[in-house]
């Protein structure tokens, strides 16, 4: 499976945090592949209620990104405060793990 380590991090966070959920609109699973699914193979939107953050995990072409926005108590976006670009899928999974469990949680 593509992005196996990434999905492992997401599943672990769902087990660890009752308020964590994500929506997966990734095109990598589409069969047959369309132009859009080929150009946007990764598109995940996660909401972490315990830390009041919304997280976008995307790949458009070769550009892999994690974008994080603070949310208010109703889950509405307030501001974007972190943005990372990754070169490889393994780097993406490691960075997401750091974001969910590491120092960025205190930001």
C-alpha atoms as a PDB file:
ATOM      1  CA  UNK A   1       0.000   0.000   0.000  1.00  0.00           C
ATOM      2  CA  UNK A   2       1.180   3.503  -0.796  1.00  0.00           C
ATOM      3  CA  UNK A   3       1.766   5.827   2.149  1.00  0.00           C
ATOM      4  CA  UNK A   4       1.715   2.856   4.545  1.00  0.00           C
ATOM      5  CA  UNK A   5       3.715   4.621   7.276  1.00  0.00           C
ATOM      6  CA  UNK A   6       1.545   7.726   7.007  1.00  0.00           C
ATOM      7  CA  UNK A   7      -1.667   5.744   7.495  1.00  0.00           C
ATOM      8  CA  UNK A   8      -0.061   3.905  10.436  1.00  0.00           C
ATOM      9  CA  UNK A   9       0.576   7.272  12.144  1.00  0.00           C
ATOM     10  CA  UNK A  10      -3.032   8.361  11.489  1.00  0.00           C
ATOM     11  CA  UNK A  11      -4.464   5.086  12.841  1.00  0.00           C
ATOM     12  CA  UNK A  12      -2.275   5.310  15.952  1.00  0.00           C
ATOM     13  CA  UNK A  13      -3.415   8.867  16.647  1.00  0.00           C
ATOM     14  CA  UNK A  14      -7.056   7.774  16.354  1.00  0.00           C
ATOM     15  CA  UNK A  15      -6.379   5.145  19.040  1.00  0.00           C
ATOM     16  CA  UNK A  16      -4.499   7.598  21.276  1.00  0.00           C
ATOM     17  CA  UNK A  17      -6.786  10.623  20.973  1.00  0.00           C
ATOM     18  CA  UNK A  18     -10.575  10.260  21.168  1.00  0.00           C
ATOM     19  CA  UNK A  19     -11.093  13.601  19.395  1.00  0.00           C
ATOM     20  CA  UNK A  20      -8.970  12.763  16.347  1.00  0.00           C
ATOM     21  CA  UNK A  21     -10.607  12.045  13.006  1.00  0.00           C
ATOM     22  CA  UNK A  22      -9.667  12.340   9.361  1.00  0.00           C
ATOM     23  CA  UNK A  23     -11.245  12.369   5.942  1.00  0.00           C
ATOM     24  CA  UNK A  24      -9.300  10.714   3.131  1.00  0.00           C
ATOM     25  CA  UNK A  25      -9.973  12.078  -0.346  1.00  0.00           C
ATOM     26  CA  UNK A  26      -6.744  10.693  -1.806  1.00  0.00           C
ATOM     27  CA  UNK A  27      -6.757   9.712  -5.447  1.00  0.00           C
ATOM     28  CA  UNK A  28      -4.044   7.033  -5.305  1.00  0.00           C
ATOM     29  CA  UNK A  29      -6.674   4.300  -4.764  1.00  0.00           C
ATOM     30  CA  UNK A  30      -8.874   5.309  -7.704  1.00  0.00           C
ATOM     31  CA  UNK A  31      -9.235   2.656 -10.343  1.00  0.00           C
ATOM     32  CA  UNK A  32      -8.976   3.576 -13.099  1.00  0.00           C
ATOM     33  CA  UNK A  33      -6.712   6.531 -12.438  1.00  0.00           C
ATOM     34  CA  UNK A  34      -8.009   9.828 -13.783  1.00  0.00           C
ATOM     35  CA  UNK A  35      -6.022  12.955 -14.455  1.00  0.00           C
ATOM     36  CA  UNK A  36      -7.213  14.443 -11.146  1.00  0.00           C
ATOM     37  CA  UNK A  37      -6.454  11.327  -9.081  1.00  0.00           C
ATOM     38  CA  UNK A  38      -3.037  11.100 -10.706  1.00  0.00           C
ATOM     39  CA  UNK A  39      -2.242  14.784  -9.982  1.00  0.00           C
ATOM     40  CA  UNK A  40      -3.665  14.635  -6.417  1.00  0.00           C
ATOM     41  CA  UNK A  41      -2.666  11.201  -5.116  1.00  0.00           C
ATOM     42  CA  UNK A  42      -2.759  12.307  -1.467  1.00  0.00           C
ATOM     43  CA  UNK A  43      -5.423  14.532   0.077  1.00  0.00           C
ATOM     44  CA  UNK A  44      -6.215  14.002   3.771  1.00  0.00           C
ATOM     45  CA  UNK A  45      -7.902  16.455   6.115  1.00  0.00           C
ATOM     46  CA  UNK A  46      -7.562  15.632   9.817  1.00  0.00           C
ATOM     47  CA  UNK A  47      -9.070  17.313  12.858  1.00  0.00           C
ATOM     48  CA  UNK A  48      -7.465  16.906  16.267  1.00  0.00           C
ATOM     49  CA  UNK A  49     -10.011  18.125  18.799  1.00  0.00           C
ATOM     50  CA  UNK A  50      -7.652  17.642  21.750  1.00  0.00           C
ATOM     51  CA  UNK A  51      -5.176  20.178  20.348  1.00  0.00           C
ATOM     52  CA  UNK A  52      -7.693  22.352  18.397  1.00  0.00           C
ATOM     53  CA  UNK A  53      -5.913  21.857  15.069  1.00  0.00           C
ATOM     54  CA  UNK A  54      -6.899  20.994  11.514  1.00  0.00           C
ATOM     55  CA  UNK A  55      -4.200  19.286   9.447  1.00  0.00           C
ATOM     56  CA  UNK A  56      -4.046  18.991   5.665  1.00  0.00           C
ATOM     57  CA  UNK A  57      -1.737  16.316   4.255  1.00  0.00           C
ATOM     58  CA  UNK A  58      -1.439  16.675   0.498  1.00  0.00           C
ATOM     59  CA  UNK A  59       0.558  15.656  -2.506  1.00  0.00           C
ATOM     60  CA  UNK A  60       0.050  17.564  -5.715  1.00  0.00           C
ATOM     61  CA  UNK A  61       2.442  16.318  -8.367  1.00  0.00           C
ATOM     62  CA  UNK A  62       5.729  15.833  -6.534  1.00  0.00           C
ATOM     63  CA  UNK A  63       4.955  18.494  -3.905  1.00  0.00           C
ATOM     64  CA  UNK A  64       4.180  16.801  -0.548  1.00  0.00           C
ATOM     65  CA  UNK A  65       2.951  19.092   2.256  1.00  0.00           C
ATOM     66  CA  UNK A  66       1.595  19.247   5.775  1.00  0.00           C
ATOM     67  CA  UNK A  67      -0.349  22.385   6.669  1.00  0.00           C
ATOM     68  CA  UNK A  68      -1.733  23.030  10.146  1.00  0.00           C
ATOM     69  CA  UNK A  69      -4.329  25.578  11.225  1.00  0.00           C
ATOM     70  CA  UNK A  70      -5.564  26.414  14.679  1.00  0.00           C
ATOM     71  CA  UNK A  71      -9.297  26.007  15.186  1.00  0.00           C
ATOM     72  CA  UNK A  72     -11.739  27.559  17.603  1.00  0.00           C
ATOM     73  CA  UNK A  73     -13.949  25.572  19.976  1.00  0.00           C
ATOM     74  CA  UNK A  74     -16.442  24.960  17.128  1.00  0.00           C
ATOM     75  CA  UNK A  75     -13.773  23.533  14.803  1.00  0.00           C
ATOM     76  CA  UNK A  76     -13.597  26.602  12.547  1.00  0.00           C
ATOM     77  CA  UNK A  77     -10.182  27.531  11.156  1.00  0.00           C
ATOM     78  CA  UNK A  78      -8.584  30.531  12.845  1.00  0.00           C
ATOM     79  CA  UNK A  79      -5.107  30.778  11.323  1.00  0.00           C
ATOM     80  CA  UNK A  80      -2.469  28.731   9.549  1.00  0.00           C
ATOM     81  CA  UNK A  81       0.589  28.448  11.729  1.00  0.00           C
ATOM     82  CA  UNK A  82       2.756  25.662  10.343  1.00  0.00           C
ATOM     83  CA  UNK A  83       3.593  24.566   6.827  1.00  0.00           C
ATOM     84  CA  UNK A  84       6.111  21.901   5.820  1.00  0.00           C
ATOM     85  CA  UNK A  85       7.189  20.458   2.506  1.00  0.00           C
ATOM     86  CA  UNK A  86       8.581  16.934   2.370  1.00  0.00           C
ATOM     87  CA  UNK A  87      10.660  15.260  -0.301  1.00  0.00           C
ATOM     88  CA  UNK A  88       9.732  11.614   0.416  1.00  0.00           C
ATOM     89  CA  UNK A  89       6.802   9.647   1.833  1.00  0.00           C
ATOM     90  CA  UNK A  90       8.922   8.380   4.728  1.00  0.00           C
ATOM     91  CA  UNK A  91       9.858  11.956   5.614  1.00  0.00           C
ATOM     92  CA  UNK A  92       6.146  12.841   5.492  1.00  0.00           C
ATOM     93  CA  UNK A  93       5.216  10.077   7.962  1.00  0.00           C
ATOM     94  CA  UNK A  94       8.046  11.036  10.332  1.00  0.00           C
ATOM     95  CA  UNK A  95       7.082  14.723  10.223  1.00  0.00           C
ATOM     96  CA  UNK A  96       3.413  13.931  10.835  1.00  0.00           C
ATOM     97  CA  UNK A  97       4.358  11.797  13.826  1.00  0.00           C
ATOM     98  CA  UNK A  98       6.455  14.684  15.166  1.00  0.00           C
ATOM     99  CA  UNK A  99       3.554  17.100  14.600  1.00  0.00           C
ATOM    100  CA  UNK A 100       1.042  14.865  16.385  1.00  0.00           C
ATOM    101  CA  UNK A 101       3.240  13.697  19.247  1.00  0.00           C
ATOM    102  CA  UNK A 102       6.214  16.069  19.391  1.00  0.00           C
ATOM    103  CA  UNK A 103       7.145  19.647  20.124  1.00  0.00           C
ATOM    104  CA  UNK A 104       4.705  21.183  17.616  1.00  0.00           C
ATOM    105  CA  UNK A 105       1.787  20.202  19.889  1.00  0.00           C
ATOM    106  CA  UNK A 106       2.757  22.978  22.263  1.00  0.00           C
ATOM    107  CA  UNK A 107       2.654  25.698  19.635  1.00  0.00           C
END
